[in-house]
Each structure stands twice: as structure tokens, then as C-alpha cells.
């Protein structure tokens, strides 16, 4: 098992953004997370990448517990996150906007 999240919960005050989510990803596997706006997809990725800390639950990567580590520590282990940019530079070619 390359990545394993168990019973992940993330709450912001009285709002529960991620509620008891478990996920397993094997090496070489491609997985998709889909859902409507507000379903907690981005929050889940924040927990995995270290830009957010779970309220409860565990996350393992390559056998090491990573829940609660900083984004820098997690990126050194091999997990990084990018953010969707919707502002384009109109005078630049498509390749330069990637």
C-alpha cells in the first residue's frame, strides 16, 4: 500500500468538511476523487499534502505516518500539491500558461 488514509475527519468549528473518509492507493494505481462543490475533495487533498491537519484519523505514505507533518516534510517524502490557477496571461502562448 503506497498511500492509506483511515477514518479521516476535518472540521472547521461546527462544519464537518471531511467525515470518516478512508482511502487506499496502491503503487502504480491511478485514482480519481469526484464529487459536487463543497463535498470536501480539496480538503481531503489538503490533509494528504500537509497543508491542513486532520481533526482525527491517520494517513500513511510508504509505511510512514504523515498526518500532522508539515507540507515541507511531506513533500520531501514525495507528495506535493498544486493549485488550480484560473487567471491566464492572455498575451502568452498556451504552453507558457501551463
Foldseek 3Di string as FASTA:
>chain_A
DFKWWFQFWAADVPRTQDGGDIDDDDPPDDDDDDDDPSNNPVVVLCQQQAVDATPDTWMDGPRHTCHPPHNVVNVVVPDHDDDDDPDADVVDDPVVRD
